[in-house]
């Protein structure tokens, strides 16, 4: 009986080792695919995923929104959201909200077009 249990433990240990190796290989492959996706975005003239999330949130909001609300909604630190804001502003995709607080932002037609062309097509 003890020999049988030892054999089962050995088989289970081998199985765990195999699964851990497969898991490590899958994690490595996922990281490689993420890098490949990032490269494809750049070659297709796409924005970073976070900037796309920023635009999508404004698209869905349909009213001027503060950076802090955007940061919270897309679960991204305010400093990074400010970086996206600067990039999107320079590209003419966002503007300050009409009649809203100075720190509220809304989409420009170019930003709406980007969301419809690229983000909603996922």
PDB file of N, CA and C in Angstrom:
ATOM      1  N   UNK A   1       0.818  -1.200   0.000  1.00  0.00           N
ATOM      2  CA  UNK A   1       0.000   0.000   0.000  1.00  0.00           C
ATOM      3  C   UNK A   1       0.857   1.256   0.000  1.00  0.00           C
ATOM      4  N   UNK A   2       1.922   1.252   0.804  1.00  0.00           N
ATOM      5  CA  UNK A   2       2.819   2.401   0.881  1.00  0.00           C
ATOM      6  C   UNK A   2       3.532   2.608  -0.444  1.00  0.00           C
ATOM      7  N   UNK A   3       3.940   1.522  -1.088  1.00  0.00           N
ATOM      8  CA  UNK A   3       4.597   1.633  -2.394  1.00  0.00           C
ATOM      9  C   UNK A   3       3.659   2.258  -3.430  1.00  0.00           C
ATOM     10  N   UNK A   4       2.401   1.901  -3.365  1.00  0.00           N
ATOM     11  CA  UNK A   4       1.409   2.452  -4.285  1.00  0.00           C
ATOM     12  C   UNK A   4       1.241   3.957  -4.057  1.00  0.00           C
ATOM     13  N   UNK A   5       1.193   4.362  -2.811  1.00  0.00           N
ATOM     14  CA  UNK A   5       1.081   5.786  -2.486  1.00  0.00           C
ATOM     15  C   UNK A   5       2.331   6.555  -2.921  1.00  0.00           C
ATOM     16  N   UNK A   6       3.493   5.957  -2.727  1.00  0.00           N
ATOM     17  CA  UNK A   6       4.741   6.601  -3.161  1.00  0.00           C
ATOM     18  C   UNK A   6       4.737   6.784  -4.677  1.00  0.00           C
ATOM     19  N   UNK A   7       4.250   5.774  -5.386  1.00  0.00           N
ATOM     20  CA  UNK A   7       4.174   5.852  -6.852  1.00  0.00           C
ATOM     21  C   UNK A   7       3.224   6.969  -7.287  1.00  0.00           C
ATOM     22  N   UNK A   8       2.078   7.078  -6.608  1.00  0.00           N
ATOM     23  CA  UNK A   8       1.118   8.132  -6.934  1.00  0.00           C
ATOM     24  C   UNK A   8       1.703   9.518  -6.664  1.00  0.00           C
ATOM     25  N   UNK A   9       2.410   9.664  -5.550  1.00  0.00           N
ATOM     26  CA  UNK A   9       3.052  10.932  -5.214  1.00  0.00           C
ATOM     27  C   UNK A   9       4.085  11.291  -6.280  1.00  0.00           C
ATOM     28  N   UNK A  10       4.856  10.314  -6.709  1.00  0.00           N
ATOM     29  CA  UNK A  10       5.860  10.540  -7.748  1.00  0.00           C
ATOM     30  C   UNK A  10       5.196  10.985  -9.049  1.00  0.00           C
ATOM     31  N   UNK A  11       4.114  10.322  -9.438  1.00  0.00           N
ATOM     32  CA  UNK A  11       3.395  10.686 -10.660  1.00  0.00           C
ATOM     33  C   UNK A  11       2.809  12.089 -10.556  1.00  0.00           C
ATOM     34  N   UNK A  12       2.247  12.408  -9.408  1.00  0.00           N
ATOM     35  CA  UNK A  12       1.672  13.741  -9.215  1.00  0.00           C
ATOM     36  C   UNK A  12       2.759  14.815  -9.218  1.00  0.00           C
ATOM     37  N   UNK A  13       3.886  14.529  -8.651  1.00  0.00           N
ATOM     38  CA  UNK A  13       5.009  15.472  -8.641  1.00  0.00           C
ATOM     39  C   UNK A  13       5.485  15.730 -10.069  1.00  0.00           C
ATOM     40  N   UNK A  14       5.588  14.675 -10.853  1.00  0.00           N
ATOM     41  CA  UNK A  14       5.984  14.827 -12.256  1.00  0.00           C
ATOM     42  C   UNK A  14       4.952  15.659 -13.023  1.00  0.00           C
ATOM     43  N   UNK A  15       3.682  15.401 -12.747  1.00  0.00           N
ATOM     44  CA  UNK A  15       2.613  16.132 -13.424  1.00  0.00           C
ATOM     45  C   UNK A  15       2.668  17.619 -13.066  1.00  0.00           C
ATOM     46  N   UNK A  16       2.916  17.916 -11.785  1.00  0.00           N
ATOM     47  CA  UNK A  16       3.030  19.307 -11.338  1.00  0.00           C
ATOM     48  C   UNK A  16       4.190  19.993 -12.044  1.00  0.00           C
ATOM     49  N   UNK A  17       5.316  19.308 -12.118  1.00  0.00           N
ATOM     50  CA  UNK A  17       6.490  19.868 -12.790  1.00  0.00           C
ATOM     51  C   UNK A  17       6.178  20.174 -14.255  1.00  0.00           C
ATOM     52  N   UNK A  18       5.529  19.239 -14.919  1.00  0.00           N
ATOM     53  CA  UNK A  18       5.158  19.430 -16.326  1.00  0.00           C
ATOM     54  C   UNK A  18       4.216  20.621 -16.475  1.00  0.00           C
ATOM     55  N   UNK A  19       3.208  20.718 -15.605  1.00  0.00           N
ATOM     56  CA  UNK A  19       2.252  21.823 -15.667  1.00  0.00           C
ATOM     57  C   UNK A  19       2.920  23.166 -15.383  1.00  0.00           C
ATOM     58  N   UNK A  20       3.856  23.185 -14.453  1.00  0.00           N
ATOM     59  CA  UNK A  20       4.580  24.422 -14.153  1.00  0.00           C
ATOM     60  C   UNK A  20       5.409  24.864 -15.359  1.00  0.00           C
ATOM     61  N   UNK A  21       6.029  23.913 -16.058  1.00  0.00           N
ATOM     62  CA  UNK A  21       6.802  24.240 -17.259  1.00  0.00           C
ATOM     63  C   UNK A  21       5.888  24.768 -18.362  1.00  0.00           C
ATOM     64  N   UNK A  22       4.740  24.121 -18.536  1.00  0.00           N
ATOM     65  CA  UNK A  22       3.786  24.574 -19.542  1.00  0.00           C
ATOM     66  C   UNK A  22       3.273  25.966 -19.206  1.00  0.00           C
ATOM     67  N   UNK A  23       3.010  26.227 -17.951  1.00  0.00           N
ATOM     68  CA  UNK A  23       2.549  27.533 -17.512  1.00  0.00           C
ATOM     69  C   UNK A  23       3.604  28.604 -17.811  1.00  0.00           C
ATOM     70  N   UNK A  24       4.864  28.304 -17.505  1.00  0.00           N
ATOM     71  CA  UNK A  24       5.949  29.248 -17.775  1.00  0.00           C
ATOM     72  C   UNK A  24       6.061  29.520 -19.276  1.00  0.00           C
ATOM     73  N   UNK A  25       5.928  28.465 -20.087  1.00  0.00           N
ATOM     74  CA  UNK A  25       5.987  28.633 -21.535  1.00  0.00           C
ATOM     75  C   UNK A  25       4.827  29.491 -22.044  1.00  0.00           C
ATOM     76  N   UNK A  26       3.638  29.277 -21.488  1.00  0.00           N
ATOM     77  CA  UNK A  26       2.472  30.071 -21.898  1.00  0.00           C
ATOM     78  C   UNK A  26       2.619  31.536 -21.500  1.00  0.00           C
ATOM     79  N   UNK A  27       3.176  31.784 -20.329  1.00  0.00           N
ATOM     80  CA  UNK A  27       3.410  33.167 -19.899  1.00  0.00           C
ATOM     81  C   UNK A  27       4.410  33.856 -20.827  1.00  0.00           C
ATOM     82  N   UNK A  28       5.439  33.125 -21.212  1.00  0.00           N
ATOM     83  CA  UNK A  28       6.443  33.681 -22.121  1.00  0.00           C
ATOM     84  C   UNK A  28       5.800  33.985 -23.476  1.00  0.00           C
ATOM     85  N   UNK A  29       4.986  33.075 -23.969  1.00  0.00           N
ATOM     86  CA  UNK A  29       4.304  33.266 -25.258  1.00  0.00           C
ATOM     87  C   UNK A  29       3.346  34.450 -25.186  1.00  0.00           C
ATOM     88  N   UNK A  30       2.631  34.597 -24.073  1.00  0.00           N
ATOM     89  CA  UNK A  30       1.706  35.729 -23.906  1.00  0.00           C
ATOM     90  C   UNK A  30       2.471  37.051 -23.940  1.00  0.00           C
ATOM     91  N   UNK A  31       3.617  37.095 -23.284  1.00  0.00           N
ATOM     92  CA  UNK A  31       4.436  38.315 -23.292  1.00  0.00           C
ATOM     93  C   UNK A  31       4.926  38.628 -24.710  1.00  0.00           C
ATOM     94  N   UNK A  32       5.326  37.603 -25.441  1.00  0.00           N
ATOM     95  CA  UNK A  32       5.766  37.798 -26.823  1.00  0.00           C
ATOM     96  C   UNK A  32       4.620  38.322 -27.692  1.00  0.00           C
ATOM     97  N   UNK A  33       3.435  37.767 -27.513  1.00  0.00           N
ATOM     98  CA  UNK A  33       2.272  38.213 -28.290  1.00  0.00           C
ATOM     99  C   UNK A  33       1.887  39.642 -27.948  1.00  0.00           C
ATOM    100  N   UNK A  34       2.009  40.028 -26.680  1.00  0.00           N
ATOM    101  CA  UNK A  34       1.728  41.407 -26.295  1.00  0.00           C
ATOM    102  C   UNK A  34       2.706  42.359 -26.979  1.00  0.00           C
ATOM    103  N   UNK A  35       3.966  41.983 -27.034  1.00  0.00           N
ATOM    104  CA  UNK A  35       4.968  42.805 -27.729  1.00  0.00           C
ATOM    105  C   UNK A  35       4.644  42.906 -29.226  1.00  0.00           C
ATOM    106  N   UNK A  36       4.240  41.788 -29.789  1.00  0.00           N
ATOM    107  CA  UNK A  36       3.878  41.773 -31.206  1.00  0.00           C
ATOM    108  C   UNK A  36       2.670  42.673 -31.460  1.00  0.00           C
ATOM    109  N   UNK A  37       1.693  42.607 -30.586  1.00  0.00           N
ATOM    110  CA  UNK A  37       0.509  43.453 -30.709  1.00  0.00           C
ATOM    111  C   UNK A  37       0.894  44.922 -30.614  1.00  0.00           C
ATOM    112  N   UNK A  38       1.774  45.244 -29.673  1.00  0.00           N
ATOM    113  CA  UNK A  38       2.240  46.627 -29.526  1.00  0.00           C
ATOM    114  C   UNK A  38       2.921  47.091 -30.821  1.00  0.00           C
ATOM    115  N   UNK A  39       3.725  46.221 -31.408  1.00  0.00           N
ATOM    116  CA  UNK A  39       4.385  46.557 -32.665  1.00  0.00           C
ATOM    117  C   UNK A  39       3.390  46.754 -33.803  1.00  0.00           C
ATOM    118  N   UNK A  40       2.362  45.915 -33.853  1.00  0.00           N
ATOM    119  CA  UNK A  40       1.339  46.047 -34.895  1.00  0.00           C
ATOM    120  C   UNK A  40       0.565  47.347 -34.739  1.00  0.00           C
ATOM    121  N   UNK A  41       0.265  47.732 -33.514  1.00  0.00           N
ATOM    122  CA  UNK A  41      -0.435  48.995 -33.271  1.00  0.00           C
ATOM    123  C   UNK A  41       0.371  50.145 -33.857  1.00  0.00           C
ATOM    124  N   UNK A  42       1.667  50.127 -33.595  1.00  0.00           N
ATOM    125  CA  UNK A  42       2.524  51.215 -34.067  1.00  0.00           C
ATOM    126  C   UNK A  42       2.563  51.269 -35.595  1.00  0.00           C
ATOM    127  N   UNK A  43       2.594  50.112 -36.239  1.00  0.00           N
ATOM    128  CA  UNK A  43       2.677  50.114 -37.698  1.00  0.00           C
ATOM    129  C   UNK A  43       1.344  50.454 -38.352  1.00  0.00           C
ATOM    130  N   UNK A  44       0.248  50.316 -37.617  1.00  0.00           N
ATOM    131  CA  UNK A  44      -1.064  50.618 -38.165  1.00  0.00           C
ATOM    132  C   UNK A  44      -1.524  52.028 -37.805  1.00  0.00           C
ATOM    133  N   UNK A  45      -0.648  52.821 -37.190  1.00  0.00           N
ATOM    134  CA  UNK A  45      -1.025  54.168 -36.804  1.00  0.00           C
ATOM    135  C   UNK A  45      -1.988  54.203 -35.638  1.00  0.00           C
ATOM    136  N   UNK A  46      -1.988  53.151 -34.840  1.00  0.00           N
ATOM    137  CA  UNK A  46      -2.897  53.068 -33.697  1.00  0.00           C
ATOM    138  C   UNK A  46      -2.270  53.726 -32.477  1.00  0.00           C
ATOM    139  N   UNK A  47      -3.115  54.183 -31.599  1.00  0.00           N
ATOM    140  CA  UNK A  47      -2.682  54.755 -30.336  1.00  0.00           C
ATOM    141  C   UNK A  47      -2.418  53.644 -29.332  1.00  0.00           C
ATOM    142  N   UNK A  48      -1.784  54.017 -28.228  1.00  0.00           N
ATOM    143  CA  UNK A  48      -1.594  53.072 -27.139  1.00  0.00           C
ATOM    144  C   UNK A  48      -2.963  52.679 -26.589  1.00  0.00           C
ATOM    145  N   UNK A  49      -3.037  51.504 -26.011  1.00  0.00           N
ATOM    146  CA  UNK A  49      -4.307  50.998 -25.500  1.00  0.00           C
ATOM    147  C   UNK A  49      -4.929  51.955 -24.479  1.00  0.00           C
ATOM    148  N   UNK A  50      -4.107  52.516 -23.597  1.00  0.00           N
ATOM    149  CA  UNK A  50      -4.619  53.445 -22.594  1.00  0.00           C
ATOM    150  C   UNK A  50      -5.233  54.688 -23.213  1.00  0.00           C
ATOM    151  N   UNK A  51      -4.602  55.210 -24.266  1.00  0.00           N
ATOM    152  CA  UNK A  51      -5.142  56.381 -24.961  1.00  0.00           C
ATOM    153  C   UNK A  51      -6.463  56.019 -25.636  1.00  0.00           C
ATOM    154  N   UNK A  52      -6.551  54.815 -26.166  1.00  0.00           N
ATOM    155  CA  UNK A  52      -7.808  54.370 -26.765  1.00  0.00           C
ATOM    156  C   UNK A  52      -8.897  54.241 -25.702  1.00  0.00           C
ATOM    157  N   UNK A  53      -8.526  53.755 -24.518  1.00  0.00           N
ATOM    158  CA  UNK A  53      -9.497  53.656 -23.425  1.00  0.00           C
ATOM    159  C   UNK A  53      -9.984  55.039 -23.008  1.00  0.00           C
ATOM    160  N   UNK A  54      -9.075  56.012 -22.988  1.00  0.00           N
ATOM    161  CA  UNK A  54      -9.402  57.407 -22.677  1.00  0.00           C
ATOM    162  C   UNK A  54     -10.444  57.913 -23.678  1.00  0.00           C
ATOM    163  N   UNK A  55     -10.166  57.737 -24.956  1.00  0.00           N
ATOM    164  CA  UNK A  55     -11.101  58.186 -25.998  1.00  0.00           C
ATOM    165  C   UNK A  55     -12.447  57.477 -25.882  1.00  0.00           C
ATOM    166  N   UNK A  56     -12.421  56.175 -25.654  1.00  0.00           N
ATOM    167  CA  UNK A  56     -13.657  55.403 -25.557  1.00  0.00           C
ATOM    168  C   UNK A  56     -14.505  55.881 -24.395  1.00  0.00           C
ATOM    169  N   UNK A  57     -13.860  56.212 -23.271  1.00  0.00           N
ATOM    170  CA  UNK A  57     -14.619  56.705 -22.134  1.00  0.00           C
ATOM    171  C   UNK A  57     -15.289  58.037 -22.472  1.00  0.00           C
ATOM    172  N   UNK A  58     -14.555  58.932 -23.131  1.00  0.00           N
ATOM    173  CA  UNK A  58     -15.159  60.200 -23.540  1.00  0.00           C
ATOM    174  C   UNK A  58     -16.293  59.958 -24.530  1.00  0.00           C
ATOM    175  N   UNK A  59     -16.099  59.032 -25.440  1.00  0.00           N
ATOM    176  CA  UNK A  59     -17.122  58.688 -26.433  1.00  0.00           C
ATOM    177  C   UNK A  59     -18.399  58.221 -25.741  1.00  0.00           C
ATOM    178  N   UNK A  60     -18.251  57.352 -24.761  1.00  0.00           N
ATOM    179  CA  UNK A  60     -19.400  56.817 -24.048  1.00  0.00           C
ATOM    180  C   UNK A  60     -20.047  57.855 -23.124  1.00  0.00           C
ATOM    181  N   UNK A  61     -19.235  58.771 -22.593  1.00  0.00           N
ATOM    182  CA  UNK A  61     -19.743  59.771 -21.652  1.00  0.00           C
ATOM    183  C   UNK A  61     -20.637  60.797 -22.338  1.00  0.00           C
ATOM    184  N   UNK A  62     -20.262  61.200 -23.540  1.00  0.00           N
ATOM    185  CA  UNK A  62     -21.031  62.167 -24.328  1.00  0.00           C
ATOM    186  C   UNK A  62     -21.215  63.512 -23.633  1.00  0.00           C
ATOM    187  N   UNK A  63     -20.336  63.806 -22.684  1.00  0.00           N
ATOM    188  CA  UNK A  63     -20.324  65.106 -22.016  1.00  0.00           C
ATOM    189  C   UNK A  63     -18.907  65.344 -21.503  1.00  0.00           C
ATOM    190  N   UNK A  64     -18.542  66.589 -21.236  1.00  0.00           N
ATOM    191  CA  UNK A  64     -17.196  66.861 -20.719  1.00  0.00           C
ATOM    192  C   UNK A  64     -16.940  66.115 -19.410  1.00  0.00           C
ATOM    193  N   UNK A  65     -15.709  65.605 -19.283  1.00  0.00           N
ATOM    194  CA  UNK A  65     -15.351  64.779 -18.130  1.00  0.00           C
ATOM    195  C   UNK A  65     -13.983  65.206 -17.609  1.00  0.00           C
ATOM    196  N   UNK A  66     -13.816  65.172 -16.283  1.00  0.00           N
ATOM    197  CA  UNK A  66     -12.541  65.541 -15.660  1.00  0.00           C
ATOM    198  C   UNK A  66     -11.518  64.420 -15.800  1.00  0.00           C
ATOM    199  N   UNK A  67     -10.242  64.806 -15.698  1.00  0.00           N
ATOM    200  CA  UNK A  67      -9.169  63.808 -15.759  1.00  0.00           C
ATOM    201  C   UNK A  67      -9.277  62.803 -14.618  1.00  0.00           C
ATOM    202  N   UNK A  68      -9.678  63.276 -13.442  1.00  0.00           N
ATOM    203  CA  UNK A  68      -9.782  62.359 -12.303  1.00  0.00           C
ATOM    204  C   UNK A  68     -10.866  61.310 -12.540  1.00  0.00           C
ATOM    205  N   UNK A  69     -11.955  61.706 -13.149  1.00  0.00           N
ATOM    206  CA  UNK A  69     -13.014  60.740 -13.456  1.00  0.00           C
ATOM    207  C   UNK A  69     -12.538  59.755 -14.531  1.00  0.00           C
ATOM    208  N   UNK A  70     -11.848  60.266 -15.535  1.00  0.00           N
ATOM    209  CA  UNK A  70     -11.298  59.402 -16.589  1.00  0.00           C
ATOM    210  C   UNK A  70     -10.307  58.418 -15.972  1.00  0.00           C
ATOM    211  N   UNK A  71      -9.423  58.926 -15.121  1.00  0.00           N
ATOM    212  CA  UNK A  71      -8.415  58.097 -14.457  1.00  0.00           C
ATOM    213  C   UNK A  71      -9.074  56.960 -13.688  1.00  0.00           C
ATOM    214  N   UNK A  72     -10.094  57.293 -12.935  1.00  0.00           N
ATOM    215  CA  UNK A  72     -10.805  56.288 -12.150  1.00  0.00           C
ATOM    216  C   UNK A  72     -11.516  55.277 -13.055  1.00  0.00           C
ATOM    217  N   UNK A  73     -12.161  55.774 -14.092  1.00  0.00           N
ATOM    218  CA  UNK A  73     -12.951  54.912 -14.980  1.00  0.00           C
ATOM    219  C   UNK A  73     -12.087  53.922 -15.758  1.00  0.00           C
ATOM    220  N   UNK A  74     -10.920  54.381 -16.206  1.00  0.00           N
ATOM    221  CA  UNK A  74     -10.075  53.473 -17.001  1.00  0.00           C
ATOM    222  C   UNK A  74      -8.986  52.817 -16.145  1.00  0.00           C
ATOM    223  N   UNK A  75      -9.081  53.051 -14.833  1.00  0.00           N
ATOM    224  CA  UNK A  75      -8.175  52.429 -13.856  1.00  0.00           C
ATOM    225  C   UNK A  75      -6.708  52.650 -14.205  1.00  0.00           C
ATOM    226  N   UNK A  76      -6.387  53.936 -14.387  1.00  0.00           N
ATOM    227  CA  UNK A  76      -5.040  54.329 -14.763  1.00  0.00           C
ATOM    228  C   UNK A  76      -4.641  55.535 -13.904  1.00  0.00           C
ATOM    229  N   UNK A  77      -3.407  55.573 -13.391  1.00  0.00           N
ATOM    230  CA  UNK A  77      -2.988  56.713 -12.574  1.00  0.00           C
ATOM    231  C   UNK A  77      -3.147  58.043 -13.313  1.00  0.00           C
ATOM    232  N   UNK A  78      -3.455  59.094 -12.554  1.00  0.00           N
ATOM    233  CA  UNK A  78      -3.700  60.407 -13.144  1.00  0.00           C
ATOM    234  C   UNK A  78      -2.512  60.878 -13.985  1.00  0.00           C
ATOM    235  N   UNK A  79      -1.301  60.638 -13.514  1.00  0.00           N
ATOM    236  CA  UNK A  79      -0.116  61.073 -14.268  1.00  0.00           C
ATOM    237  C   UNK A  79      -0.068  60.471 -15.669  1.00  0.00           C
ATOM    238  N   UNK A  80      -0.436  59.221 -15.789  1.00  0.00           N
ATOM    239  CA  UNK A  80      -0.445  58.567 -17.098  1.00  0.00           C
ATOM    240  C   UNK A  80      -1.608  59.099 -17.932  1.00  0.00           C
ATOM    241  N   UNK A  81      -2.740  59.347 -17.283  1.00  0.00           N
ATOM    242  CA  UNK A  81      -3.893  59.917 -17.992  1.00  0.00           C
ATOM    243  C   UNK A  81      -3.527  61.309 -18.527  1.00  0.00           C
ATOM    244  N   UNK A  82      -2.740  62.071 -17.766  1.00  0.00           N
ATOM    245  CA  UNK A  82      -2.276  63.380 -18.248  1.00  0.00           C
ATOM    246  C   UNK A  82      -1.403  63.218 -19.486  1.00  0.00           C
ATOM    247  N   UNK A  83      -0.571  62.194 -19.488  1.00  0.00           N
ATOM    248  CA  UNK A  83       0.259  61.894 -20.659  1.00  0.00           C
ATOM    249  C   UNK A  83      -0.618  61.611 -21.881  1.00  0.00           C
ATOM    250  N   UNK A  84      -1.647  60.767 -21.686  1.00  0.00           N
ATOM    251  CA  UNK A  84      -2.567  60.476 -22.792  1.00  0.00           C
ATOM    252  C   UNK A  84      -3.290  61.744 -23.235  1.00  0.00           C
ATOM    253  N   UNK A  85      -3.715  62.562 -22.275  1.00  0.00           N
ATOM    254  CA  UNK A  85      -4.387  63.816 -22.602  1.00  0.00           C
ATOM    255  C   UNK A  85      -3.505  64.684 -23.498  1.00  0.00           C
ATOM    256  N   UNK A  86      -2.239  64.801 -23.129  1.00  0.00           N
ATOM    257  CA  UNK A  86      -1.314  65.626 -23.922  1.00  0.00           C
ATOM    258  C   UNK A  86      -1.190  65.099 -25.346  1.00  0.00           C
ATOM    259  N   UNK A  87      -1.036  63.787 -25.484  1.00  0.00           N
ATOM    260  CA  UNK A  87      -0.918  63.191 -26.824  1.00  0.00           C
ATOM    261  C   UNK A  87      -2.196  63.409 -27.634  1.00  0.00           C
ATOM    262  N   UNK A  88      -3.347  63.158 -27.009  1.00  0.00           N
ATOM    263  CA  UNK A  88      -4.625  63.287 -27.720  1.00  0.00           C
ATOM    264  C   UNK A  88      -4.915  64.747 -28.063  1.00  0.00           C
ATOM    265  N   UNK A  89      -4.518  65.653 -27.196  1.00  0.00           N
ATOM    266  CA  UNK A  89      -4.683  67.099 -27.452  1.00  0.00           C
ATOM    267  C   UNK A  89      -3.840  67.487 -28.670  1.00  0.00           C
ATOM    268  N   UNK A  90      -2.580  67.057 -28.677  1.00  0.00           N
ATOM    269  CA  UNK A  90      -1.678  67.379 -29.796  1.00  0.00           C
ATOM    270  C   UNK A  90      -2.194  66.816 -31.115  1.00  0.00           C
ATOM    271  N   UNK A  91      -2.886  65.685 -31.054  1.00  0.00           N
ATOM    272  CA  UNK A  91      -3.440  65.070 -32.264  1.00  0.00           C
ATOM    273  C   UNK A  91      -4.789  65.676 -32.672  1.00  0.00           C
ATOM    274  N   UNK A  92      -5.289  66.607 -31.875  1.00  0.00           N
ATOM    275  CA  UNK A  92      -6.564  67.245 -32.183  1.00  0.00           C
ATOM    276  C   UNK A  92      -7.769  66.344 -31.972  1.00  0.00           C
ATOM    277  N   UNK A  93      -7.637  65.390 -31.067  1.00  0.00           N
ATOM    278  CA  UNK A  93      -8.733  64.446 -30.817  1.00  0.00           C
ATOM    279  C   UNK A  93      -9.613  64.847 -29.641  1.00  0.00           C
ATOM    280  N   UNK A  94      -9.087  65.705 -28.752  1.00  0.00           N
ATOM    281  CA  UNK A  94      -9.876  66.155 -27.606  1.00  0.00           C
ATOM    282  C   UNK A  94      -9.736  67.666 -27.450  1.00  0.00           C
ATOM    283  N   UNK A  95     -10.647  68.239 -26.687  1.00  0.00           N
ATOM    284  CA  UNK A  95     -10.602  69.655 -26.357  1.00  0.00           C
ATOM    285  C   UNK A  95     -11.207  69.840 -24.974  1.00  0.00           C
ATOM    286  N   UNK A  96     -11.083  71.043 -24.434  1.00  0.00           N
ATOM    287  CA  UNK A  96     -11.752  71.298 -23.161  1.00  0.00           C
ATOM    288  C   UNK A  96     -13.235  71.394 -23.424  1.00  0.00           C
ATOM    289  N   UNK A  97     -14.009  70.994 -22.435  1.00  0.00           N
ATOM    290  CA  UNK A  97     -15.457  70.967 -22.579  1.00  0.00           C
ATOM    291  C   UNK A  97     -16.051  72.351 -22.744  1.00  0.00           C
ATOM    292  N   UNK A  98     -16.983  72.475 -23.667  1.00  0.00           N
ATOM    293  CA  UNK A  98     -17.643  73.760 -23.888  1.00  0.00           C
ATOM    294  C   UNK A  98     -18.576  74.053 -22.725  1.00  0.00           C
ATOM    295  N   UNK A  99     -18.363  75.217 -22.098  1.00  0.00           N
ATOM    296  CA  UNK A  99     -19.194  75.620 -20.973  1.00  0.00           C
ATOM    297  C   UNK A  99     -18.927  74.832 -19.711  1.00  0.00           C
ATOM    298  N   UNK A 100     -17.895  74.014 -19.710  1.00  0.00           N
ATOM    299  CA  UNK A 100     -17.584  73.183 -18.545  1.00  0.00           C
ATOM    300  C   UNK A 100     -16.340  73.734 -17.855  1.00  0.00           C
ATOM    301  N   UNK A 101     -15.947  73.081 -16.806  1.00  0.00           N
ATOM    302  CA  UNK A 101     -14.720  73.469 -16.106  1.00  0.00           C
ATOM    303  C   UNK A 101     -13.523  73.319 -17.037  1.00  0.00           C
ATOM    304  N   UNK A 102     -12.507  74.116 -16.769  1.00  0.00           N
ATOM    305  CA  UNK A 102     -11.322  74.121 -17.635  1.00  0.00           C
ATOM    306  C   UNK A 102     -10.658  72.764 -17.704  1.00  0.00           C
ATOM    307  N   UNK A 103     -10.748  71.967 -16.659  1.00  0.00           N
ATOM    308  CA  UNK A 103     -10.099  70.654 -16.643  1.00  0.00           C
ATOM    309  C   UNK A 103     -11.020  69.522 -17.100  1.00  0.00           C
ATOM    310  N   UNK A 104     -12.134  69.852 -17.727  1.00  0.00           N
ATOM    311  CA  UNK A 104     -13.012  68.833 -18.295  1.00  0.00           C
ATOM    312  C   UNK A 104     -12.728  68.721 -19.788  1.00  0.00           C
ATOM    313  N   UNK A 105     -12.788  67.502 -20.299  1.00  0.00           N
ATOM    314  CA  UNK A 105     -12.433  67.252 -21.690  1.00  0.00           C
ATOM    315  C   UNK A 105     -13.547  66.529 -22.418  1.00  0.00           C
ATOM    316  N   UNK A 106     -13.591  66.743 -23.729  1.00  0.00           N
ATOM    317  CA  UNK A 106     -14.555  66.054 -24.580  1.00  0.00           C
ATOM    318  C   UNK A 106     -13.910  65.758 -25.925  1.00  0.00           C
ATOM    319  N   UNK A 107     -14.553  64.898 -26.691  1.00  0.00           N
ATOM    320  CA  UNK A 107     -14.020  64.499 -27.995  1.00  0.00           C
ATOM    321  C   UNK A 107     -14.227  65.575 -29.053  1.00  0.00           C
ATOM    322  N   UNK A 108     -13.272  65.648 -29.927  1.00  0.00           N
ATOM    323  CA  UNK A 108     -13.397  66.427 -31.156  1.00  0.00           C
ATOM    324  C   UNK A 108     -13.836  65.433 -32.235  1.00  0.00           C
ATOM    325  N   UNK A 109     -14.315  65.909 -33.379  1.00  0.00           N
ATOM    326  CA  UNK A 109     -14.727  64.978 -34.445  1.00  0.00           C
ATOM    327  C   UNK A 109     -13.646  63.954 -34.811  1.00  0.00           C
ATOM    328  N   UNK A 110     -12.389  64.383 -34.813  1.00  0.00           N
ATOM    329  CA  UNK A 110     -11.295  63.464 -35.140  1.00  0.00           C
ATOM    330  C   UNK A 110     -11.189  62.327 -34.113  1.00  0.00           C
ATOM    331  N   UNK A 111     -11.421  62.628 -32.842  1.00  0.00           N
ATOM    332  CA  UNK A 111     -11.400  61.611 -31.794  1.00  0.00           C
ATOM    333  C   UNK A 111     -12.564  60.645 -31.934  1.00  0.00           C
ATOM    334  N   UNK A 112     -13.751  61.177 -32.239  1.00  0.00           N
ATOM    335  CA  UNK A 112     -14.924  60.319 -32.454  1.00  0.00           C
ATOM    336  C   UNK A 112     -14.686  59.387 -33.636  1.00  0.00           C
ATOM    337  N   UNK A 113     -14.115  59.944 -34.697  1.00  0.00           N
ATOM    338  CA  UNK A 113     -13.823  59.129 -35.885  1.00  0.00           C
ATOM    339  C   UNK A 113     -12.862  57.989 -35.539  1.00  0.00           C
ATOM    340  N   UNK A 114     -11.838  58.293 -34.755  1.00  0.00           N
ATOM    341  CA  UNK A 114     -10.876  57.268 -34.360  1.00  0.00           C
ATOM    342  C   UNK A 114     -11.567  56.149 -33.581  1.00  0.00           C
ATOM    343  N   UNK A 115     -12.412  56.529 -32.630  1.00  0.00           N
ATOM    344  CA  UNK A 115     -13.114  55.522 -31.821  1.00  0.00           C
ATOM    345  C   UNK A 115     -13.966  54.622 -32.711  1.00  0.00           C
ATOM    346  N   UNK A 116     -14.705  55.224 -33.629  1.00  0.00           N
ATOM    347  CA  UNK A 116     -15.582  54.429 -34.498  1.00  0.00           C
ATOM    348  C   UNK A 116     -14.762  53.520 -35.411  1.00  0.00           C
ATOM    349  N   UNK A 117     -13.678  54.041 -35.970  1.00  0.00           N
ATOM    350  CA  UNK A 117     -12.863  53.264 -36.911  1.00  0.00           C
ATOM    351  C   UNK A 117     -12.081  52.137 -36.250  1.00  0.00           C
ATOM    352  N   UNK A 118     -11.487  52.420 -35.094  1.00  0.00           N
ATOM    353  CA  UNK A 118     -10.550  51.466 -34.512  1.00  0.00           C
ATOM    354  C   UNK A 118     -11.015  50.811 -33.221  1.00  0.00           C
ATOM    355  N   UNK A 119     -11.597  51.564 -32.316  1.00  0.00           N
ATOM    356  CA  UNK A 119     -11.885  51.033 -30.983  1.00  0.00           C
ATOM    357  C   UNK A 119     -13.166  50.202 -30.986  1.00  0.00           C
ATOM    358  N   UNK A 120     -14.186  50.659 -31.653  1.00  0.00           N
ATOM    359  CA  UNK A 120     -15.455  49.920 -31.665  1.00  0.00           C
ATOM    360  C   UNK A 120     -15.384  48.676 -32.554  1.00  0.00           C
ATOM    361  N   UNK A 121     -14.345  48.547 -33.349  1.00  0.00           N
ATOM    362  CA  UNK A 121     -14.197  47.410 -34.262  1.00  0.00           C
ATOM    363  C   UNK A 121     -13.540  46.216 -33.604  1.00  0.00           C
ATOM    364  N   UNK A 122     -13.151  46.338 -32.331  1.00  0.00           N
ATOM    365  CA  UNK A 122     -12.470  45.225 -31.625  1.00  0.00           C
ATOM    366  C   UNK A 122     -13.364  44.037 -31.490  1.00  0.00           C
TER     367      UNK A 122
END
